[in-house]
Amino acid sequence: MHISYDDRVSASSDLRLPKFPVEVEVGFADGSSRCVDVYVAEHTEHSYRRQHVIDLLEADEPFVPARDVAENGHEHWAMINKATIAWVAIPLDEGSLPVDDSLDASDTELYDVQSPVSVDIAAHPAVAGHVLYSPPAGRGRLIDYLNQPGRFLRVWTAERLVLVNKSCVLGVHEPAVD
């Protein structure tokens, strides 16, 4: 039996999950930054929610594909090495992430702690915002949260969610308590 290229493309297209573009700004370890679109899947291994940008960054694969618009206006695909990413900023839409509008209520997370912080990032300006988390019993300090597994720290500001690569964090500062 002979299978043509067109048959293979058609079969693989049938198996693909719908994906949605999310415009993000990426800050790189060399101090540069640029805006790109990354694509999140309709469903991940958990059928009750959409994939999020953090899921792409925390996955084991070393590269994440992105659609980039060059200065001359031509679009091209870029395979970004996650090890070179210092931070990723996702603009909020009326206080919500851009893909949250169609999520089920079961995906909404409530947090026990909202800690104001300033995060110093290598080769970039500091990010001031809040870290939101729900600590396990007996581990309620910010340092316990920062030392949890995962490559990226979530810092919420009024305008965006900034996912900061922990390997690029120079320091995290809490405001002085009077």
N, C-alpha and C. Protein backbone atom coordinates (compact mmCIF):
# COMPACT_ATOMS: atom_id res chain seq x y z
N MET A 1 0.84 -1.18 0.00
CA MET A 1 0.00 0.00 0.00
C MET A 1 0.88 1.23 0.00
N HIS A 2 0.59 2.17 -0.85
CA HIS A 2 1.34 3.41 -0.95
C HIS A 2 0.54 4.53 -0.30
N ILE A 3 1.20 5.26 0.60
CA ILE A 3 0.56 6.40 1.26
C ILE A 3 1.26 7.65 0.78
N SER A 4 0.50 8.55 0.20
CA SER A 4 1.08 9.78 -0.34
C SER A 4 1.34 10.79 0.77
N TYR A 5 2.13 11.78 0.44
CA TYR A 5 2.41 12.86 1.38
C TYR A 5 1.11 13.55 1.80
N ASP A 6 0.23 13.80 0.84
CA ASP A 6 -1.04 14.46 1.15
C ASP A 6 -1.87 13.65 2.14
N ASP A 7 -1.85 12.31 2.01
CA ASP A 7 -2.58 11.45 2.96
C ASP A 7 -1.98 11.56 4.36
N ARG A 8 -0.65 11.61 4.45
CA ARG A 8 0.00 11.74 5.76
C ARG A 8 -0.33 13.08 6.40
N VAL A 9 -0.28 14.14 5.63
CA VAL A 9 -0.59 15.47 6.16
C VAL A 9 -2.02 15.53 6.63
N SER A 10 -2.93 14.96 5.82
CA SER A 10 -4.35 14.96 6.20
C SER A 10 -4.57 14.16 7.47
N ALA A 11 -3.94 13.00 7.60
CA ALA A 11 -4.10 12.16 8.79
C ALA A 11 -3.53 12.85 10.01
N SER A 12 -2.35 13.48 9.88
CA SER A 12 -1.77 14.15 11.04
C SER A 12 -2.59 15.38 11.42
N SER A 13 -3.20 16.06 10.45
CA SER A 13 -4.03 17.23 10.74
C SER A 13 -5.26 16.83 11.54
N ASP A 14 -5.79 15.65 11.25
CA ASP A 14 -6.97 15.17 11.97
C ASP A 14 -6.66 14.90 13.44
N LEU A 15 -5.40 14.63 13.76
CA LEU A 15 -5.01 14.30 15.12
C LEU A 15 -4.59 15.53 15.93
N ARG A 16 -4.47 16.65 15.31
CA ARG A 16 -4.01 17.86 16.00
C ARG A 16 -5.11 18.47 16.85
N LEU A 17 -4.69 19.00 18.01
CA LEU A 17 -5.60 19.73 18.87
C LEU A 17 -5.71 21.16 18.39
N PRO A 18 -6.87 21.78 18.52
CA PRO A 18 -6.96 23.20 18.18
C PRO A 18 -6.02 24.00 19.09
N LYS A 19 -5.35 24.98 18.51
CA LYS A 19 -4.42 25.81 19.28
C LYS A 19 -4.80 27.27 19.10
N PHE A 20 -4.52 28.05 20.15
CA PHE A 20 -4.88 29.46 20.16
C PHE A 20 -3.63 30.30 20.39
N PRO A 21 -3.47 31.38 19.60
CA PRO A 21 -2.30 32.24 19.80
C PRO A 21 -2.45 33.10 21.05
N VAL A 22 -1.35 33.26 21.76
CA VAL A 22 -1.28 34.17 22.91
C VAL A 22 -0.08 35.07 22.67
N GLU A 23 -0.33 36.37 22.58
CA GLU A 23 0.77 37.31 22.38
C GLU A 23 1.48 37.53 23.70
N VAL A 24 2.79 37.34 23.68
CA VAL A 24 3.61 37.51 24.88
C VAL A 24 4.84 38.34 24.52
N GLU A 25 5.43 38.94 25.53
CA GLU A 25 6.74 39.57 25.37
C GLU A 25 7.74 38.66 26.06
N VAL A 26 8.83 38.36 25.37
CA VAL A 26 9.86 37.48 25.92
C VAL A 26 11.11 38.30 26.17
N GLY A 27 11.63 38.22 27.40
CA GLY A 27 12.90 38.85 27.76
C GLY A 27 13.96 37.76 27.79
N PHE A 28 15.06 38.00 27.12
CA PHE A 28 16.12 36.99 27.02
C PHE A 28 17.27 37.28 27.97
N ALA A 29 18.06 36.26 28.25
CA ALA A 29 19.17 36.36 29.19
C ALA A 29 20.20 37.41 28.76
N ASP A 30 20.26 37.73 27.47
CA ASP A 30 21.23 38.73 27.00
C ASP A 30 20.73 40.17 27.17
N GLY A 31 19.52 40.34 27.73
CA GLY A 31 18.97 41.67 27.97
C GLY A 31 18.01 42.15 26.89
N SER A 32 17.91 41.44 25.78
CA SER A 32 16.98 41.82 24.72
C SER A 32 15.58 41.30 25.02
N SER A 33 14.60 41.81 24.29
CA SER A 33 13.23 41.30 24.41
C SER A 33 12.52 41.50 23.08
N ARG A 34 11.46 40.72 22.87
CA ARG A 34 10.64 40.88 21.67
C ARG A 34 9.28 40.26 21.90
N CYS A 35 8.31 40.71 21.11
CA CYS A 35 6.94 40.17 21.20
C CYS A 35 6.78 39.05 20.18
N VAL A 36 6.17 37.97 20.63
CA VAL A 36 5.91 36.82 19.77
C VAL A 36 4.54 36.25 20.14
N ASP A 37 4.03 35.37 19.29
CA ASP A 37 2.84 34.60 19.61
C ASP A 37 3.26 33.18 19.92
N VAL A 38 2.80 32.65 21.05
CA VAL A 38 2.95 31.23 21.35
C VAL A 38 1.56 30.63 21.26
N TYR A 39 1.48 29.34 21.08
CA TYR A 39 0.20 28.69 20.87
C TYR A 39 -0.09 27.70 21.98
N VAL A 40 -1.24 27.85 22.59
CA VAL A 40 -1.67 26.93 23.65
C VAL A 40 -2.75 26.02 23.09
N ALA A 41 -2.73 24.78 23.55
CA ALA A 41 -3.68 23.78 23.06
C ALA A 41 -5.03 23.92 23.74
N GLU A 42 -6.05 23.50 23.05
CA GLU A 42 -7.41 23.52 23.60
C GLU A 42 -7.48 22.70 24.88
N HIS A 43 -6.86 21.53 24.89
CA HIS A 43 -6.87 20.67 26.07
C HIS A 43 -5.48 20.07 26.26
N THR A 44 -5.13 19.87 27.51
CA THR A 44 -3.90 19.15 27.81
C THR A 44 -4.30 17.77 28.31
N GLU A 45 -3.45 17.15 29.08
CA GLU A 45 -3.78 15.83 29.61
C GLU A 45 -5.00 15.89 30.53
N HIS A 46 -5.33 17.08 31.00
CA HIS A 46 -6.53 17.28 31.82
C HIS A 46 -7.58 17.88 30.90
N SER A 47 -8.60 17.13 30.56
CA SER A 47 -9.58 17.56 29.57
C SER A 47 -10.45 18.71 30.05
N TYR A 48 -10.34 19.09 31.32
CA TYR A 48 -11.22 20.12 31.85
C TYR A 48 -10.67 21.54 31.70
N ARG A 49 -9.47 21.70 31.16
CA ARG A 49 -8.95 23.06 31.03
C ARG A 49 -8.03 23.20 29.83
N ARG A 50 -7.90 24.44 29.39
CA ARG A 50 -6.97 24.77 28.33
C ARG A 50 -5.55 24.78 28.87
N GLN A 51 -4.64 24.61 27.96
CA GLN A 51 -3.23 24.74 28.31
C GLN A 51 -2.93 26.22 28.56
N HIS A 52 -1.96 26.50 29.38
CA HIS A 52 -1.53 27.86 29.67
C HIS A 52 -0.08 28.02 29.22
N VAL A 53 0.36 29.26 29.08
CA VAL A 53 1.73 29.53 28.66
C VAL A 53 2.72 28.90 29.64
N ILE A 54 2.41 28.94 30.93
CA ILE A 54 3.31 28.34 31.93
C ILE A 54 3.50 26.85 31.67
N ASP A 55 2.47 26.18 31.16
CA ASP A 55 2.58 24.75 30.84
C ASP A 55 3.62 24.53 29.74
N LEU A 56 3.65 25.42 28.75
CA LEU A 56 4.65 25.31 27.68
C LEU A 56 6.06 25.49 28.24
N LEU A 57 6.21 26.46 29.14
CA LEU A 57 7.53 26.76 29.68
C LEU A 57 8.03 25.70 30.66
N GLU A 58 7.13 25.10 31.39
CA GLU A 58 7.53 24.10 32.39
C GLU A 58 7.68 22.70 31.79
N ALA A 59 7.23 22.47 30.56
CA ALA A 59 7.36 21.16 29.92
C ALA A 59 8.84 20.81 29.74
N ASP A 60 9.12 19.52 29.62
CA ASP A 60 10.49 19.03 29.53
C ASP A 60 11.21 19.42 28.24
N GLU A 61 10.47 19.65 27.16
CA GLU A 61 11.11 19.96 25.89
C GLU A 61 11.92 21.25 26.01
N PRO A 62 13.14 21.27 25.45
CA PRO A 62 14.00 22.45 25.61
C PRO A 62 13.62 23.65 24.74
N PHE A 63 12.79 23.46 23.73
CA PHE A 63 12.42 24.56 22.83
C PHE A 63 10.92 24.76 22.82
N VAL A 64 10.50 26.00 22.62
CA VAL A 64 9.09 26.33 22.46
C VAL A 64 8.96 27.08 21.12
N PRO A 65 8.01 26.63 20.27
CA PRO A 65 7.83 27.34 19.00
C PRO A 65 7.06 28.63 19.20
N ALA A 66 7.41 29.63 18.41
CA ALA A 66 6.73 30.92 18.49
C ALA A 66 6.67 31.54 17.10
N ARG A 67 5.61 32.29 16.87
CA ARG A 67 5.51 33.04 15.62
C ARG A 67 6.03 34.44 15.90
N ASP A 68 7.00 34.83 15.13
CA ASP A 68 7.69 36.10 15.33
C ASP A 68 7.42 37.00 14.13
N VAL A 69 7.25 38.27 14.38
CA VAL A 69 7.10 39.24 13.30
C VAL A 69 8.38 40.06 13.26
N ALA A 70 9.13 39.89 12.20
CA ALA A 70 10.41 40.59 12.04
C ALA A 70 10.16 42.08 11.81
N GLU A 71 11.20 42.87 11.96
CA GLU A 71 11.09 44.32 11.78
C GLU A 71 10.56 44.70 10.41
N ASN A 72 10.83 43.89 9.39
CA ASN A 72 10.36 44.21 8.05
C ASN A 72 8.90 43.79 7.83
N GLY A 73 8.24 43.29 8.88
CA GLY A 73 6.84 42.93 8.79
C GLY A 73 6.56 41.51 8.35
N HIS A 74 7.59 40.75 8.01
CA HIS A 74 7.40 39.37 7.60
C HIS A 74 7.36 38.46 8.81
N GLU A 75 6.37 37.56 8.81
CA GLU A 75 6.25 36.60 9.91
C GLU A 75 7.17 35.42 9.64
N HIS A 76 7.68 34.86 10.72
CA HIS A 76 8.44 33.62 10.60
C HIS A 76 8.33 32.86 11.92
N TRP A 77 8.61 31.58 11.86
CA TRP A 77 8.59 30.74 13.06
C TRP A 77 9.96 30.77 13.70
N ALA A 78 9.97 30.87 15.01
CA ALA A 78 11.21 30.85 15.77
C ALA A 78 11.10 29.73 16.80
N MET A 79 12.12 28.95 16.95
CA MET A 79 12.18 27.92 17.99
C MET A 79 13.04 28.50 19.10
N ILE A 80 12.42 28.87 20.20
CA ILE A 80 13.12 29.58 21.28
C ILE A 80 13.60 28.58 22.32
N ASN A 81 14.88 28.63 22.62
CA ASN A 81 15.46 27.78 23.65
C ASN A 81 15.03 28.33 25.01
N LYS A 82 14.33 27.52 25.79
CA LYS A 82 13.82 27.97 27.08
C LYS A 82 14.93 28.38 28.04
N ALA A 83 16.12 27.82 27.87
CA ALA A 83 17.24 28.16 28.76
C ALA A 83 17.68 29.61 28.56
N THR A 84 17.33 30.22 27.42
CA THR A 84 17.72 31.60 27.15
C THR A 84 16.66 32.61 27.58
N ILE A 85 15.53 32.13 28.07
CA ILE A 85 14.43 33.01 28.46
C ILE A 85 14.62 33.48 29.90
N ALA A 86 14.66 34.80 30.11
CA ALA A 86 14.73 35.36 31.45
C ALA A 86 13.33 35.56 32.02
N TRP A 87 12.40 35.99 31.18
CA TRP A 87 11.02 36.19 31.61
C TRP A 87 10.08 36.21 30.40
N VAL A 88 8.81 35.95 30.68
CA VAL A 88 7.76 36.03 29.67
C VAL A 88 6.62 36.83 30.30
N ALA A 89 6.18 37.88 29.63
CA ALA A 89 5.08 38.71 30.13
C ALA A 89 3.83 38.49 29.28
N ILE A 90 2.74 38.19 29.98
CA ILE A 90 1.46 37.97 29.32
C ILE A 90 0.53 39.11 29.71
N PRO A 91 0.10 39.94 28.74
CA PRO A 91 -0.81 41.03 29.10
C PRO A 91 -2.14 40.50 29.63
N LEU A 92 -2.64 41.17 30.65
CA LEU A 92 -3.94 40.79 31.21
C LEU A 92 -5.04 41.55 30.47
N ASP A 93 -6.16 40.90 30.30
CA ASP A 93 -7.33 41.49 29.67
C ASP A 93 -8.38 41.68 30.75
N GLU A 94 -8.53 42.91 31.24
CA GLU A 94 -9.45 43.22 32.33
C GLU A 94 -9.19 42.34 33.55
N GLY A 95 -7.90 42.16 33.88
CA GLY A 95 -7.51 41.41 35.06
C GLY A 95 -7.40 39.91 34.88
N SER A 96 -7.70 39.40 33.67
CA SER A 96 -7.65 37.96 33.42
C SER A 96 -6.64 37.65 32.33
N LEU A 97 -6.14 36.42 32.34
CA LEU A 97 -5.26 35.98 31.26
C LEU A 97 -6.07 35.89 29.97
N PRO A 98 -5.46 36.10 28.82
CA PRO A 98 -6.21 36.16 27.56
C PRO A 98 -6.95 34.88 27.19
N VAL A 99 -6.54 33.73 27.66
CA VAL A 99 -7.24 32.49 27.31
C VAL A 99 -8.23 32.06 28.38
N ASP A 100 -8.36 32.83 29.47
CA ASP A 100 -9.23 32.43 30.57
C ASP A 100 -10.72 32.64 30.31
N ASP A 101 -11.09 33.41 29.29
CA ASP A 101 -12.49 33.76 29.12
C ASP A 101 -13.40 32.56 28.88
N SER A 102 -12.88 31.48 28.35
CA SER A 102 -13.74 30.33 28.09
C SER A 102 -13.45 29.15 29.03
N LEU A 103 -12.69 29.39 30.09
CA LEU A 103 -12.38 28.32 31.02
C LEU A 103 -13.55 28.02 31.93
N ASP A 104 -13.63 26.79 32.36
CA ASP A 104 -14.64 26.41 33.34
C ASP A 104 -14.27 27.00 34.70
N ALA A 105 -15.26 27.17 35.54
CA ALA A 105 -15.02 27.67 36.89
C ALA A 105 -14.11 26.73 37.67
N SER A 106 -14.06 25.45 37.29
CA SER A 106 -13.23 24.48 38.00
C SER A 106 -11.74 24.77 37.84
N ASP A 107 -11.37 25.61 36.86
CA ASP A 107 -9.97 25.92 36.64
C ASP A 107 -9.52 27.16 37.42
N THR A 108 -10.44 27.88 37.98
CA THR A 108 -10.11 29.07 38.73
C THR A 108 -9.46 28.67 40.04
N GLU A 109 -8.31 29.28 40.33
CA GLU A 109 -7.59 28.96 41.56
C GLU A 109 -7.72 30.10 42.56
N LEU A 110 -7.91 29.74 43.80
CA LEU A 110 -7.90 30.72 44.88
C LEU A 110 -6.63 30.51 45.68
N TYR A 111 -6.01 31.60 46.12
CA TYR A 111 -4.75 31.52 46.83
C TYR A 111 -4.91 32.04 48.25
N ASP A 112 -4.17 31.44 49.17
CA ASP A 112 -4.22 31.85 50.57
C ASP A 112 -3.32 33.04 50.86
N VAL A 113 -2.23 33.19 50.10
CA VAL A 113 -1.24 34.23 50.37
C VAL A 113 -1.04 35.09 49.13
N GLN A 114 -1.04 36.39 49.34
CA GLN A 114 -0.70 37.36 48.31
C GLN A 114 0.44 38.18 48.86
N SER A 115 1.64 37.92 48.38
CA SER A 115 2.84 38.55 48.92
C SER A 115 3.39 39.59 47.94
N PRO A 116 3.44 40.88 48.34
CA PRO A 116 4.05 41.88 47.47
C PRO A 116 5.56 41.65 47.39
N VAL A 117 6.09 41.74 46.18
CA VAL A 117 7.53 41.50 45.98
C VAL A 117 8.08 42.43 44.91
N SER A 118 9.39 42.54 44.91
CA SER A 118 10.15 43.12 43.81
C SER A 118 11.18 42.08 43.44
N VAL A 119 11.22 41.72 42.16
CA VAL A 119 12.12 40.66 41.70
C VAL A 119 13.19 41.27 40.82
N ASP A 120 14.45 41.12 41.24
CA ASP A 120 15.59 41.58 40.45
C ASP A 120 15.95 40.47 39.46
N ILE A 121 16.01 40.85 38.17
CA ILE A 121 16.26 39.88 37.10
C ILE A 121 17.55 40.27 36.39
N ALA A 122 18.42 39.31 36.17
CA ALA A 122 19.69 39.57 35.48
C ALA A 122 19.44 40.23 34.13
N ALA A 123 20.16 41.32 33.84
CA ALA A 123 20.15 42.03 32.56
C ALA A 123 18.82 42.71 32.23
N HIS A 124 17.89 42.81 33.20
CA HIS A 124 16.59 43.43 32.97
C HIS A 124 16.19 44.25 34.19
N PRO A 125 15.26 45.20 34.01
CA PRO A 125 14.75 45.95 35.17
C PRO A 125 13.99 45.03 36.12
N ALA A 126 13.93 45.43 37.37
CA ALA A 126 13.18 44.65 38.37
C ALA A 126 11.69 44.66 38.04
N VAL A 127 11.00 43.63 38.48
CA VAL A 127 9.55 43.53 38.31
C VAL A 127 8.92 43.60 39.69
N ALA A 128 8.01 44.56 39.87
CA ALA A 128 7.29 44.70 41.14
C ALA A 128 5.87 44.20 40.94
N GLY A 129 5.40 43.39 41.87
CA GLY A 129 4.06 42.85 41.78
C GLY A 129 3.75 41.99 42.98
N HIS A 130 2.94 40.97 42.77
CA HIS A 130 2.54 40.07 43.84
C HIS A 130 2.77 38.63 43.43
N VAL A 131 3.20 37.83 44.39
CA VAL A 131 3.29 36.39 44.22
C VAL A 131 2.09 35.81 44.97
N LEU A 132 1.31 35.00 44.28
CA LEU A 132 0.13 34.37 44.87
C LEU A 132 0.39 32.89 45.04
N TYR A 133 0.10 32.35 46.23
CA TYR A 133 0.32 30.92 46.45
C TYR A 133 -0.49 30.43 47.64
N SER A 134 -0.67 29.12 47.66
CA SER A 134 -1.33 28.44 48.78
C SER A 134 -0.33 27.44 49.34
N PRO A 135 0.25 27.77 50.48
CA PRO A 135 1.31 26.91 51.02
C PRO A 135 0.75 25.67 51.70
N PRO A 136 1.53 24.59 51.68
CA PRO A 136 1.15 23.43 52.48
C PRO A 136 1.33 23.76 53.96
N ALA A 137 0.70 23.04 54.80
CA ALA A 137 0.78 23.28 56.25
C ALA A 137 2.24 23.31 56.70
N GLY A 138 2.58 24.34 57.47
CA GLY A 138 3.93 24.46 58.01
C GLY A 138 4.95 25.01 57.04
N ARG A 139 4.55 25.35 55.83
CA ARG A 139 5.49 25.88 54.83
C ARG A 139 4.92 27.14 54.19
N GLY A 140 4.55 28.11 55.03
CA GLY A 140 3.88 29.30 54.56
C GLY A 140 4.76 30.47 54.22
N ARG A 141 6.07 30.32 54.34
CA ARG A 141 6.97 31.44 54.04
C ARG A 141 7.17 31.59 52.54
N LEU A 142 7.47 32.79 52.11
CA LEU A 142 7.74 33.05 50.70
C LEU A 142 8.92 32.21 50.22
N ILE A 143 9.94 32.06 51.03
CA ILE A 143 11.11 31.26 50.63
C ILE A 143 10.72 29.82 50.34
N ASP A 144 9.76 29.28 51.08
CA ASP A 144 9.30 27.91 50.82
C ASP A 144 8.65 27.83 49.44
N TYR A 145 7.86 28.86 49.11
CA TYR A 145 7.22 28.89 47.79
C TYR A 145 8.28 29.01 46.69
N LEU A 146 9.24 29.91 46.87
CA LEU A 146 10.27 30.11 45.85
C LEU A 146 11.10 28.85 45.60
N ASN A 147 11.27 28.03 46.63
CA ASN A 147 12.08 26.82 46.52
C ASN A 147 11.30 25.60 46.04
N GLN A 148 10.03 25.77 45.73
CA GLN A 148 9.25 24.66 45.18
C GLN A 148 9.75 24.33 43.77
N PRO A 149 9.50 23.09 43.32
CA PRO A 149 9.90 22.72 41.96
C PRO A 149 9.25 23.63 40.92
N GLY A 150 9.88 23.71 39.79
CA GLY A 150 9.40 24.54 38.69
C GLY A 150 10.44 25.55 38.31
N ARG A 151 10.54 25.83 37.02
CA ARG A 151 11.56 26.76 36.51
C ARG A 151 11.15 28.21 36.58
N PHE A 152 9.83 28.47 36.63
CA PHE A 152 9.36 29.84 36.50
C PHE A 152 8.55 30.28 37.71
N LEU A 153 8.76 31.52 38.10
CA LEU A 153 8.08 32.17 39.20
C LEU A 153 7.01 33.08 38.59
N ARG A 154 5.80 33.04 39.12
CA ARG A 154 4.71 33.89 38.63
C ARG A 154 4.64 35.17 39.46
N VAL A 155 4.75 36.32 38.78
CA VAL A 155 4.63 37.62 39.43
C VAL A 155 3.49 38.37 38.74
N TRP A 156 2.45 38.68 39.50
CA TRP A 156 1.28 39.36 38.97
C TRP A 156 1.42 40.86 39.18
N THR A 157 1.22 41.64 38.13
CA THR A 157 1.14 43.09 38.22
C THR A 157 -0.28 43.48 37.80
N ALA A 158 -0.58 44.77 37.84
CA ALA A 158 -1.92 45.22 37.44
C ALA A 158 -2.17 44.99 35.95
N GLU A 159 -1.11 45.01 35.14
CA GLU A 159 -1.27 44.92 33.69
C GLU A 159 -0.91 43.57 33.08
N ARG A 160 -0.11 42.76 33.80
CA ARG A 160 0.37 41.52 33.17
C ARG A 160 0.82 40.51 34.20
N LEU A 161 0.91 39.27 33.74
CA LEU A 161 1.52 38.19 34.50
C LEU A 161 2.92 38.02 33.94
N VAL A 162 3.93 38.10 34.81
CA VAL A 162 5.31 37.93 34.38
C VAL A 162 5.82 36.60 34.93
N LEU A 163 6.20 35.72 34.02
CA LEU A 163 6.76 34.42 34.38
C LEU A 163 8.27 34.57 34.33
N VAL A 164 8.91 34.53 35.50
CA VAL A 164 10.34 34.81 35.62
C VAL A 164 11.10 33.50 35.79
N ASN A 165 12.08 33.28 34.94
CA ASN A 165 12.93 32.11 35.03
C ASN A 165 13.74 32.21 36.33
N LYS A 166 13.57 31.25 37.22
CA LYS A 166 14.24 31.30 38.52
C LYS A 166 15.76 31.36 38.39
N SER A 167 16.31 30.79 37.31
CA SER A 167 17.76 30.81 37.14
C SER A 167 18.27 32.22 36.79
N CYS A 168 17.38 33.14 36.43
CA CYS A 168 17.77 34.52 36.11
C CYS A 168 17.43 35.50 37.24
N VAL A 169 16.87 34.99 38.35
CA VAL A 169 16.51 35.84 39.47
C VAL A 169 17.75 36.14 40.30
N LEU A 170 18.04 37.42 40.47
CA LEU A 170 19.16 37.83 41.32
C LEU A 170 18.73 37.92 42.78
N GLY A 171 17.46 38.27 43.01
CA GLY A 171 16.94 38.39 44.36
C GLY A 171 15.47 38.71 44.33
N VAL A 172 14.78 38.34 45.41
CA VAL A 172 13.37 38.65 45.60
C VAL A 172 13.27 39.42 46.89
N HIS A 173 12.65 40.59 46.84
CA HIS A 173 12.58 41.46 48.01
C HIS A 173 11.12 41.67 48.43
N GLU A 174 10.88 41.54 49.72
CA GLU A 174 9.57 41.84 50.29
C GLU A 174 9.66 43.22 50.92
N PRO A 175 8.57 44.00 50.88
CA PRO A 175 8.62 45.31 51.55
C PRO A 175 8.80 45.14 53.05
N ALA A 176 9.46 46.11 53.64
CA ALA A 176 9.70 46.08 55.09
C ALA A 176 8.35 46.18 55.82
N VAL A 177 8.21 45.41 56.87
CA VAL A 177 7.00 45.43 57.69
C VAL A 177 7.26 46.35 58.89
N ASP A 178 6.37 47.32 59.09
CA ASP A 178 6.54 48.26 60.21
C ASP A 178 6.07 47.66 61.51
